[in-house]
Amino acid sequence: MAIGPEPGGGADQPRAGVDKRRAMRLAVAGIAVVLAVVFIAQNGDTVELTFLVFEVTTRVWVGMLVTLVLGALLGQAAEALWTRRRRRRAEA
């Protein structure tokens, strides 16, 4: 009579993999948050940003954050269009 998980893995094996991935994701997220706080603390200077006809005075980190968000949205839109195009070609 064996007590505990079987040496072959059993039902506990996938669970251990999920826990390791969750721990790794939490660690990476924690490091990203710390780096973001350091970046914000070091880039508090006020700058004037100009784009086409828009001019705004803001902090450096705010400008970088807006740029990051706009870039991510543009990337998602391009990927969605690319996927849609491939799907339509596959159906035709």
N, C-alpha and C. Protein backbone atom coordinates (compact mmCIF):
# COMPACT_ATOMS: atom_id res chain seq x y z
N MET A 1 0.84 -1.18 0.00
CA MET A 1 0.00 0.00 0.00
C MET A 1 0.89 1.24 0.00
N ALA A 2 0.78 2.05 -1.04
CA ALA A 2 1.60 3.24 -1.17
C ALA A 2 0.85 4.46 -0.66
N ILE A 3 1.54 5.31 0.01
CA ILE A 3 0.95 6.56 0.49
C ILE A 3 1.60 7.70 -0.29
N GLY A 4 0.76 8.63 -0.79
CA GLY A 4 1.27 9.76 -1.54
C GLY A 4 1.18 9.51 -3.03
N PRO A 5 1.70 10.43 -3.84
CA PRO A 5 1.60 10.28 -5.28
C PRO A 5 2.45 9.13 -5.79
N GLU A 6 2.00 8.52 -6.86
CA GLU A 6 2.73 7.42 -7.45
C GLU A 6 3.96 7.96 -8.17
N PRO A 7 5.03 7.16 -8.27
CA PRO A 7 6.24 7.63 -8.94
C PRO A 7 6.04 8.01 -10.40
N GLY A 8 5.04 7.46 -11.06
CA GLY A 8 4.80 7.75 -12.46
C GLY A 8 4.24 9.13 -12.71
N GLY A 9 3.84 9.83 -11.73
CA GLY A 9 3.29 11.18 -11.92
C GLY A 9 1.86 11.24 -11.44
N GLY A 10 0.96 10.58 -12.11
CA GLY A 10 -0.44 10.58 -11.70
C GLY A 10 -1.09 11.92 -11.91
N ALA A 11 -2.11 12.20 -11.13
CA ALA A 11 -2.90 13.41 -11.29
C ALA A 11 -2.17 14.65 -10.77
N ASP A 12 -1.17 14.47 -9.89
CA ASP A 12 -0.48 15.61 -9.32
C ASP A 12 0.53 16.24 -10.28
N GLN A 13 0.98 15.51 -11.28
CA GLN A 13 2.00 16.02 -12.18
C GLN A 13 1.57 17.27 -12.93
N PRO A 14 0.41 17.31 -13.60
CA PRO A 14 0.02 18.55 -14.29
C PRO A 14 -0.17 19.72 -13.33
N ARG A 15 -0.66 19.44 -12.15
CA ARG A 15 -0.88 20.49 -11.15
C ARG A 15 0.43 21.15 -10.77
N ALA A 16 1.49 20.35 -10.61
CA ALA A 16 2.80 20.91 -10.24
C ALA A 16 3.30 21.82 -11.34
N GLY A 17 3.08 21.44 -12.62
CA GLY A 17 3.50 22.28 -13.73
C GLY A 17 2.77 23.60 -13.75
N VAL A 18 1.47 23.56 -13.46
CA VAL A 18 0.67 24.78 -13.43
C VAL A 18 1.14 25.69 -12.31
N ASP A 19 1.44 25.14 -11.15
CA ASP A 19 1.91 25.95 -10.03
C ASP A 19 3.26 26.60 -10.33
N LYS A 20 4.14 25.87 -11.01
CA LYS A 20 5.45 26.44 -11.36
C LYS A 20 5.27 27.58 -12.36
N ARG A 21 4.37 27.39 -13.33
CA ARG A 21 4.13 28.45 -14.30
C ARG A 21 3.51 29.67 -13.63
N ARG A 22 2.58 29.44 -12.72
CA ARG A 22 1.95 30.55 -12.00
C ARG A 22 2.98 31.30 -11.18
N ALA A 23 3.86 30.57 -10.51
CA ALA A 23 4.90 31.21 -9.70
C ALA A 23 5.84 32.03 -10.59
N MET A 24 6.18 31.48 -11.75
CA MET A 24 7.08 32.19 -12.67
C MET A 24 6.40 33.46 -13.19
N ARG A 25 5.14 33.36 -13.54
CA ARG A 25 4.40 34.54 -14.02
C ARG A 25 4.30 35.61 -12.94
N LEU A 26 4.04 35.19 -11.71
CA LEU A 26 3.97 36.15 -10.60
C LEU A 26 5.32 36.81 -10.37
N ALA A 27 6.40 36.04 -10.47
CA ALA A 27 7.73 36.59 -10.28
C ALA A 27 8.04 37.61 -11.38
N VAL A 28 7.74 37.26 -12.62
CA VAL A 28 7.99 38.18 -13.74
C VAL A 28 7.14 39.44 -13.58
N ALA A 29 5.88 39.27 -13.19
CA ALA A 29 5.00 40.42 -12.99
C ALA A 29 5.52 41.30 -11.86
N GLY A 30 6.00 40.69 -10.79
CA GLY A 30 6.55 41.46 -9.68
C GLY A 30 7.77 42.26 -10.09
N ILE A 31 8.65 41.64 -10.87
CA ILE A 31 9.84 42.34 -11.36
C ILE A 31 9.43 43.49 -12.27
N ALA A 32 8.43 43.25 -13.14
CA ALA A 32 7.97 44.30 -14.05
C ALA A 32 7.40 45.49 -13.27
N VAL A 33 6.67 45.21 -12.20
CA VAL A 33 6.10 46.29 -11.39
C VAL A 33 7.21 47.10 -10.72
N VAL A 34 8.20 46.41 -10.18
CA VAL A 34 9.31 47.11 -9.54
C VAL A 34 10.05 47.98 -10.55
N LEU A 35 10.32 47.42 -11.74
CA LEU A 35 11.00 48.20 -12.79
C LEU A 35 10.16 49.39 -13.24
N ALA A 36 8.84 49.22 -13.32
CA ALA A 36 7.96 50.32 -13.71
C ALA A 36 8.00 51.44 -12.66
N VAL A 37 7.99 51.08 -11.40
CA VAL A 37 8.05 52.09 -10.33
C VAL A 37 9.38 52.84 -10.39
N VAL A 38 10.47 52.12 -10.61
CA VAL A 38 11.79 52.77 -10.72
C VAL A 38 11.81 53.70 -11.93
N PHE A 39 11.26 53.24 -13.07
CA PHE A 39 11.21 54.06 -14.28
C PHE A 39 10.42 55.34 -14.04
N ILE A 40 9.27 55.22 -13.39
CA ILE A 40 8.44 56.39 -13.10
C ILE A 40 9.17 57.35 -12.17
N ALA A 41 9.85 56.80 -11.16
CA ALA A 41 10.56 57.65 -10.20
C ALA A 41 11.71 58.41 -10.87
N GLN A 42 12.37 57.78 -11.83
CA GLN A 42 13.52 58.41 -12.47
C GLN A 42 13.15 59.33 -13.63
N ASN A 43 11.93 59.24 -14.13
CA ASN A 43 11.54 60.01 -15.31
C ASN A 43 10.36 60.92 -15.01
N GLY A 44 10.48 61.71 -13.98
CA GLY A 44 9.43 62.63 -13.58
C GLY A 44 9.54 64.01 -14.19
N ASP A 45 10.55 64.22 -15.02
CA ASP A 45 10.74 65.54 -15.64
C ASP A 45 9.58 65.87 -16.57
N THR A 46 9.28 67.14 -16.66
CA THR A 46 8.23 67.61 -17.55
C THR A 46 8.83 67.94 -18.91
N VAL A 47 8.16 67.46 -19.97
CA VAL A 47 8.61 67.72 -21.34
C VAL A 47 7.43 68.16 -22.18
N GLU A 48 7.74 68.81 -23.31
CA GLU A 48 6.69 69.20 -24.25
C GLU A 48 6.72 68.22 -25.41
N LEU A 49 5.59 67.56 -25.65
CA LEU A 49 5.47 66.59 -26.73
C LEU A 49 4.63 67.18 -27.85
N THR A 50 5.10 67.02 -29.08
CA THR A 50 4.38 67.53 -30.25
C THR A 50 4.17 66.39 -31.23
N PHE A 51 2.92 66.23 -31.69
CA PHE A 51 2.59 65.24 -32.71
C PHE A 51 1.58 65.87 -33.65
N LEU A 52 1.99 66.04 -34.89
CA LEU A 52 1.17 66.71 -35.92
C LEU A 52 0.72 68.08 -35.41
N VAL A 53 -0.55 68.23 -35.08
CA VAL A 53 -1.04 69.53 -34.62
C VAL A 53 -1.24 69.57 -33.11
N PHE A 54 -0.94 68.46 -32.42
CA PHE A 54 -1.15 68.39 -30.98
C PHE A 54 0.13 68.76 -30.25
N GLU A 55 -0.01 69.56 -29.22
CA GLU A 55 1.10 69.88 -28.33
C GLU A 55 0.61 69.70 -26.90
N VAL A 56 1.41 68.99 -26.11
CA VAL A 56 1.03 68.76 -24.73
C VAL A 56 2.29 68.78 -23.86
N THR A 57 2.14 69.31 -22.68
CA THR A 57 3.22 69.29 -21.70
C THR A 57 2.87 68.24 -20.66
N THR A 58 3.76 67.27 -20.50
CA THR A 58 3.49 66.16 -19.58
C THR A 58 4.82 65.60 -19.07
N ARG A 59 4.74 64.66 -18.20
CA ARG A 59 5.94 64.01 -17.68
C ARG A 59 6.42 62.97 -18.69
N VAL A 60 7.70 62.66 -18.65
CA VAL A 60 8.30 61.72 -19.59
C VAL A 60 7.61 60.36 -19.51
N TRP A 61 7.38 59.86 -18.30
CA TRP A 61 6.83 58.52 -18.16
C TRP A 61 5.40 58.44 -18.70
N VAL A 62 4.65 59.53 -18.63
CA VAL A 62 3.29 59.53 -19.18
C VAL A 62 3.34 59.43 -20.70
N GLY A 63 4.26 60.18 -21.31
CA GLY A 63 4.43 60.10 -22.76
C GLY A 63 4.85 58.71 -23.20
N MET A 64 5.76 58.08 -22.45
CA MET A 64 6.20 56.73 -22.78
C MET A 64 5.06 55.73 -22.61
N LEU A 65 4.25 55.90 -21.57
CA LEU A 65 3.13 54.99 -21.34
C LEU A 65 2.09 55.11 -22.46
N VAL A 66 1.78 56.33 -22.87
CA VAL A 66 0.83 56.53 -23.96
C VAL A 66 1.36 55.91 -25.25
N THR A 67 2.65 56.09 -25.51
CA THR A 67 3.27 55.51 -26.69
C THR A 67 3.20 53.98 -26.65
N LEU A 68 3.47 53.41 -25.50
CA LEU A 68 3.41 51.97 -25.33
C LEU A 68 2.01 51.43 -25.58
N VAL A 69 1.01 52.08 -25.01
CA VAL A 69 -0.38 51.64 -25.18
C VAL A 69 -0.82 51.77 -26.64
N LEU A 70 -0.50 52.89 -27.27
CA LEU A 70 -0.86 53.07 -28.67
C LEU A 70 -0.16 52.04 -29.56
N GLY A 71 1.08 51.75 -29.29
CA GLY A 71 1.81 50.74 -30.04
C GLY A 71 1.21 49.35 -29.87
N ALA A 72 0.82 49.02 -28.64
CA ALA A 72 0.20 47.72 -28.38
C ALA A 72 -1.14 47.61 -29.11
N LEU A 73 -1.93 48.67 -29.07
CA LEU A 73 -3.21 48.65 -29.77
C LEU A 73 -3.03 48.53 -31.28
N LEU A 74 -2.05 49.23 -31.82
CA LEU A 74 -1.77 49.14 -33.25
C LEU A 74 -1.31 47.72 -33.61
N GLY A 75 -0.49 47.13 -32.78
CA GLY A 75 -0.03 45.76 -33.01
C GLY A 75 -1.18 44.76 -32.98
N GLN A 76 -2.09 44.92 -32.02
CA GLN A 76 -3.26 44.04 -31.94
C GLN A 76 -4.15 44.19 -33.16
N ALA A 77 -4.34 45.42 -33.61
CA ALA A 77 -5.18 45.66 -34.79
C ALA A 77 -4.55 45.04 -36.02
N ALA A 78 -3.24 45.19 -36.19
CA ALA A 78 -2.54 44.61 -37.34
C ALA A 78 -2.64 43.09 -37.31
N GLU A 79 -2.48 42.50 -36.14
CA GLU A 79 -2.58 41.04 -36.02
C GLU A 79 -3.99 40.56 -36.33
N ALA A 80 -5.00 41.28 -35.87
CA ALA A 80 -6.38 40.90 -36.16
C ALA A 80 -6.67 40.97 -37.65
N LEU A 81 -6.19 42.01 -38.32
CA LEU A 81 -6.39 42.12 -39.76
C LEU A 81 -5.65 41.01 -40.51
N TRP A 82 -4.43 40.71 -40.08
CA TRP A 82 -3.64 39.65 -40.70
C TRP A 82 -4.33 38.30 -40.56
N THR A 83 -4.84 38.00 -39.36
CA THR A 83 -5.53 36.74 -39.11
C THR A 83 -6.80 36.66 -39.95
N ARG A 84 -7.53 37.74 -40.01
CA ARG A 84 -8.76 37.78 -40.81
C ARG A 84 -8.46 37.55 -42.30
N ARG A 85 -7.39 38.15 -42.76
CA ARG A 85 -7.00 38.00 -44.17
C ARG A 85 -6.62 36.55 -44.47
N ARG A 86 -5.83 35.92 -43.58
CA ARG A 86 -5.44 34.52 -43.79
C ARG A 86 -6.65 33.60 -43.75
N ARG A 87 -7.59 33.86 -42.84
CA ARG A 87 -8.78 33.03 -42.72
C ARG A 87 -9.63 33.13 -44.00
N ARG A 88 -9.76 34.34 -44.53
CA ARG A 88 -10.55 34.52 -45.76
C ARG A 88 -9.89 33.82 -46.94
N ARG A 89 -8.56 33.87 -47.01
CA ARG A 89 -7.86 33.18 -48.10
C ARG A 89 -8.00 31.66 -47.97
N ALA A 90 -8.00 31.15 -46.74
CA ALA A 90 -8.15 29.71 -46.51
C ALA A 90 -9.56 29.24 -46.89
N GLU A 91 -10.56 30.08 -46.65
CA GLU A 91 -11.95 29.72 -46.99
C GLU A 91 -12.19 29.77 -48.48
N ALA A 92 -11.49 30.61 -49.20
CA ALA A 92 -11.72 30.79 -50.64
C ALA A 92 -11.15 29.66 -51.47
